[in-house]
Amino acid sequence: MRFGTIGAGTVAQAVAGHLARAGHTVTLSNSRGPDSLRDVVVRLGSSVRAAPVEDAARADMVFLTVPWPQVGDALAGLPAWDGRILVDTTNRMPESADVGPCAATPSELVAALAPGARVVKAFNTLHARYIAADPRHPQGRQLLFHAGDDTAAKATFHELADRIGFAPVDVGPLRDGGRLMQVGGPLSALHALRQDPDGEAR
């Protein structure tokens, strides 16, 4: 698979680092252009490159990592998604206290802005330092919650997350799972490890 990022901050660099160490190629992008990412690319290694957002968005799996206020602009004018996977790592900050039970979750709003994308919500419940760190610990592996409406897309993401060392946990569709994961939800900022059956981290 080809991987890309829309946004190239701390979360994008952390995810790209894990993917690169697992032998994958990653295309980073941001609104300032590839030249602004030269130092980042050098640090992350030869399997990571920088390109315009339009190029990164053509990858098989794309990670959306921009701040919430920039989501609309970041997704505007991109190539047709045609079923490619969009991993939404964003958080709507702060969550409005008057958001009712029928209101759309942030990732449902992202899905509406990226028609044709198969959206998976992930990484937004963890502080960046836990995303960047090795997810394998002597006590177990870092839990990584994810949600989505497309079963096949979630399965693909689940397999990838497991391969790069996380312990992925499917918490349901974007509506129900997204509510658990959004800021203020019970899974938000929950840092936990899962022991593997043999009692050791894989």
Protein backbone atom coordinates (compact mmCIF):
# COMPACT_ATOMS: atom_id res chain seq x y z
CA MET A 1 0.00 0.00 0.00
CA ARG A 2 0.96 3.62 -0.54
CA PHE A 3 0.59 5.95 2.43
CA GLY A 4 0.19 9.71 2.55
CA THR A 5 -0.50 12.45 5.07
CA ILE A 6 -2.45 15.66 4.85
CA GLY A 7 -0.62 17.69 7.43
CA ALA A 8 2.95 17.06 8.55
CA GLY A 9 3.04 17.96 12.23
CA THR A 10 3.83 15.83 15.25
CA VAL A 11 1.17 13.17 14.67
CA ALA A 12 1.90 12.81 10.95
CA GLN A 13 5.62 12.50 11.60
CA ALA A 14 5.04 9.93 14.35
CA VAL A 15 2.82 7.77 12.13
CA ALA A 16 5.22 8.15 9.19
CA GLY A 17 8.09 7.03 11.41
CA HIS A 18 6.28 3.84 12.41
CA LEU A 19 5.36 3.09 8.81
CA ALA A 20 8.89 3.74 7.55
CA ARG A 21 10.40 1.44 10.19
CA ALA A 22 7.98 -1.26 9.03
CA GLY A 23 9.29 -0.90 5.47
CA HIS A 24 6.56 1.25 3.95
CA THR A 25 6.91 4.40 1.85
CA VAL A 26 5.11 7.53 3.01
CA THR A 27 4.38 10.85 1.32
CA LEU A 28 4.14 13.80 3.69
CA SER A 29 2.35 17.00 2.70
CA ASN A 30 1.30 20.29 4.23
CA SER A 31 -0.14 23.62 3.18
CA ARG A 32 3.31 25.26 2.98
CA GLY A 33 4.68 22.93 0.31
CA PRO A 34 7.36 20.21 0.05
CA ASP A 35 10.31 22.55 0.53
CA SER A 36 9.21 23.25 4.09
CA LEU A 37 9.60 19.54 4.92
CA ARG A 38 13.19 18.96 3.79
CA ASP A 39 14.60 18.57 7.30
CA VAL A 40 11.73 16.32 8.36
CA VAL A 41 12.21 14.01 5.40
CA VAL A 42 15.95 13.75 6.03
CA ARG A 43 15.31 12.84 9.66
CA LEU A 44 12.68 10.21 8.88
CA GLY A 45 14.72 8.46 6.21
CA SER A 46 14.75 7.56 2.56
CA SER A 47 11.34 5.87 2.50
CA VAL A 48 9.63 9.15 3.42
CA ARG A 49 9.24 11.93 0.85
CA ALA A 50 7.49 15.27 0.66
CA ALA A 51 5.04 16.25 -2.07
CA PRO A 52 2.09 18.58 -2.70
CA VAL A 53 -1.12 17.72 -0.85
CA GLU A 54 -2.78 16.53 -4.06
CA ASP A 55 -0.09 13.88 -4.53
CA ALA A 56 -0.19 12.67 -0.94
CA ALA A 57 -3.98 12.39 -1.13
CA ARG A 58 -3.71 9.88 -3.99
CA ALA A 59 -2.21 7.25 -1.66
CA ASP A 60 -4.15 4.10 -0.80
CA MET A 61 -4.39 5.18 2.85
CA VAL A 62 -4.21 8.87 3.78
CA PHE A 63 -3.86 10.26 7.31
CA LEU A 64 -5.63 13.55 8.00
CA THR A 65 -3.62 15.26 10.75
CA VAL A 66 -4.37 18.97 10.50
CA PRO A 67 -5.89 21.04 13.34
CA TRP A 68 -9.69 20.93 13.33
CA PRO A 69 -10.21 24.51 12.06
CA GLN A 70 -8.18 23.63 8.95
CA VAL A 71 -10.05 20.44 8.02
CA GLY A 72 -12.35 22.05 5.47
CA ASP A 73 -9.55 23.81 3.62
CA ALA A 74 -7.31 20.74 3.78
CA LEU A 75 -9.90 18.50 2.12
CA ALA A 76 -11.06 21.01 -0.50
CA GLY A 77 -10.14 20.47 -4.13
CA LEU A 78 -8.51 17.06 -3.72
CA PRO A 79 -8.67 14.24 -6.28
CA ALA A 80 -11.74 11.99 -6.12
CA TRP A 81 -11.35 9.50 -3.27
CA ASP A 82 -12.77 6.52 -5.17
CA GLY A 83 -12.90 4.32 -2.07
CA ARG A 84 -9.44 5.05 -0.74
CA ILE A 85 -9.06 5.04 3.05
CA LEU A 86 -8.93 8.33 4.93
CA VAL A 87 -7.75 7.99 8.53
CA ASP A 88 -9.08 10.93 10.53
CA THR A 89 -6.80 11.71 13.47
CA THR A 90 -8.33 15.11 14.24
CA ASN A 91 -10.08 16.37 17.36
CA ARG A 92 -12.73 19.07 17.44
CA MET A 93 -11.45 21.35 20.17
CA PRO A 94 -13.19 22.06 22.39
CA GLU A 95 -16.25 19.87 22.07
CA SER A 96 -19.35 22.04 22.35
CA ALA A 97 -21.29 21.47 25.54
CA ASP A 98 -24.58 21.81 23.67
CA VAL A 99 -23.90 19.10 21.07
CA GLY A 100 -26.98 16.90 21.20
CA PRO A 101 -27.21 13.11 20.86
CA CYS A 102 -28.27 13.40 17.21
CA ALA A 103 -25.48 15.76 16.17
CA ALA A 104 -22.86 14.49 13.74
CA THR A 105 -19.54 13.43 15.18
CA PRO A 106 -16.38 15.15 13.89
CA SER A 107 -15.50 12.16 11.71
CA GLU A 108 -18.96 12.10 10.18
CA LEU A 109 -18.36 15.72 9.22
CA VAL A 110 -14.98 14.72 7.76
CA ALA A 111 -16.68 11.96 5.75
CA ALA A 112 -19.14 14.51 4.37
CA LEU A 113 -16.21 16.70 3.26
CA ALA A 114 -14.48 13.75 1.56
CA PRO A 115 -17.20 12.00 -0.46
CA GLY A 116 -16.08 8.61 -1.70
CA ALA A 117 -13.50 8.15 1.06
CA ARG A 118 -13.78 5.25 3.47
CA VAL A 119 -13.17 7.07 6.74
CA VAL A 120 -11.56 5.45 9.78
CA LYS A 121 -11.21 7.39 13.03
CA ALA A 122 -7.95 6.66 14.87
CA PHE A 123 -5.05 8.10 16.86
CA ASN A 124 -7.12 11.02 18.20
CA THR A 125 -7.49 9.54 21.70
CA LEU A 126 -3.73 9.43 22.33
CA HIS A 127 -1.37 12.24 23.25
CA ALA A 128 1.26 12.69 20.54
CA ARG A 129 4.08 11.37 22.73
CA TYR A 130 2.31 8.01 23.02
CA ILE A 131 1.80 7.84 19.27
CA ALA A 132 5.46 8.59 18.60
CA ALA A 133 6.86 6.17 21.17
CA ASP A 134 7.45 2.50 20.47
CA PRO A 135 3.98 0.97 21.06
CA ARG A 136 5.57 -2.27 22.25
CA HIS A 137 6.36 -2.26 25.97
CA PRO A 138 7.52 -5.03 28.31
CA GLN A 139 4.08 -4.85 29.95
CA GLY A 140 2.12 -5.01 26.68
CA ARG A 141 1.22 -3.02 23.58
CA GLN A 142 -0.32 0.43 23.33
CA LEU A 143 -4.07 0.25 22.78
CA LEU A 144 -5.22 2.04 19.64
CA PHE A 145 -8.96 2.60 19.34
CA HIS A 146 -10.50 3.01 15.91
CA ALA A 147 -13.97 3.44 14.47
CA GLY A 148 -15.53 3.48 11.02
CA ASP A 149 -18.57 2.60 8.95
CA ASP A 150 -16.75 0.48 6.34
CA THR A 151 -15.90 -2.98 7.66
CA ALA A 152 -13.23 -3.72 5.05
CA ALA A 153 -11.49 -0.39 5.61
CA LYS A 154 -11.43 -0.99 9.36
CA ALA A 155 -10.00 -4.46 8.82
CA THR A 156 -7.24 -3.04 6.62
CA PHE A 157 -6.40 -0.38 9.20
CA HIS A 158 -6.57 -2.93 12.04
CA GLU A 159 -4.06 -5.18 10.29
CA LEU A 160 -1.71 -2.26 9.61
CA ALA A 161 -1.89 -0.97 13.20
CA ASP A 162 -1.12 -4.45 14.52
CA ARG A 163 1.81 -4.79 12.13
CA ILE A 164 3.45 -1.56 13.30
CA GLY A 165 3.13 -2.60 16.93
CA PHE A 166 -0.13 -1.20 18.30
CA ALA A 167 -2.96 -3.23 19.84
CA PRO A 168 -5.93 -2.05 17.73
CA VAL A 169 -9.46 -2.13 19.15
CA ASP A 170 -12.52 -1.61 16.95
CA VAL A 171 -15.08 0.44 18.90
CA GLY A 172 -17.81 0.55 16.27
CA PRO A 173 -19.13 2.93 13.60
CA LEU A 174 -18.28 6.60 13.22
CA ARG A 175 -21.40 7.69 15.10
CA ASP A 176 -21.21 5.45 18.18
CA GLY A 177 -17.49 4.76 18.25
CA GLY A 178 -16.72 8.34 17.35
CA ARG A 179 -18.64 9.58 20.38
CA LEU A 180 -16.60 7.31 22.63
CA MET A 181 -13.37 8.63 21.11
CA GLN A 182 -14.09 12.35 20.77
CA VAL A 183 -12.88 14.90 23.30
CA GLY A 184 -14.85 14.40 26.50
CA GLY A 185 -15.73 10.80 25.60
CA PRO A 186 -14.73 7.87 27.83
CA LEU A 187 -11.86 6.80 25.55
CA SER A 188 -10.39 10.27 25.03
CA ALA A 189 -6.84 10.56 26.42
CA LEU A 190 -7.00 6.97 27.69
CA HIS A 191 -3.48 5.56 27.69
CA ALA A 192 -3.52 1.81 28.30
CA LEU A 193 -1.59 -1.32 27.38
CA ARG A 194 -2.91 -4.72 26.37
CA GLN A 195 -1.12 -7.87 27.41
CA ASP A 196 -0.75 -10.46 24.69
CA PRO A 197 -1.81 -14.05 25.47
CA ASP A 198 1.75 -15.11 26.26
CA GLY A 199 2.07 -12.23 28.74
CA GLU A 200 4.68 -10.41 26.65
CA ALA A 201 4.50 -7.64 24.11
CA ARG A 202 4.90 -8.68 20.51
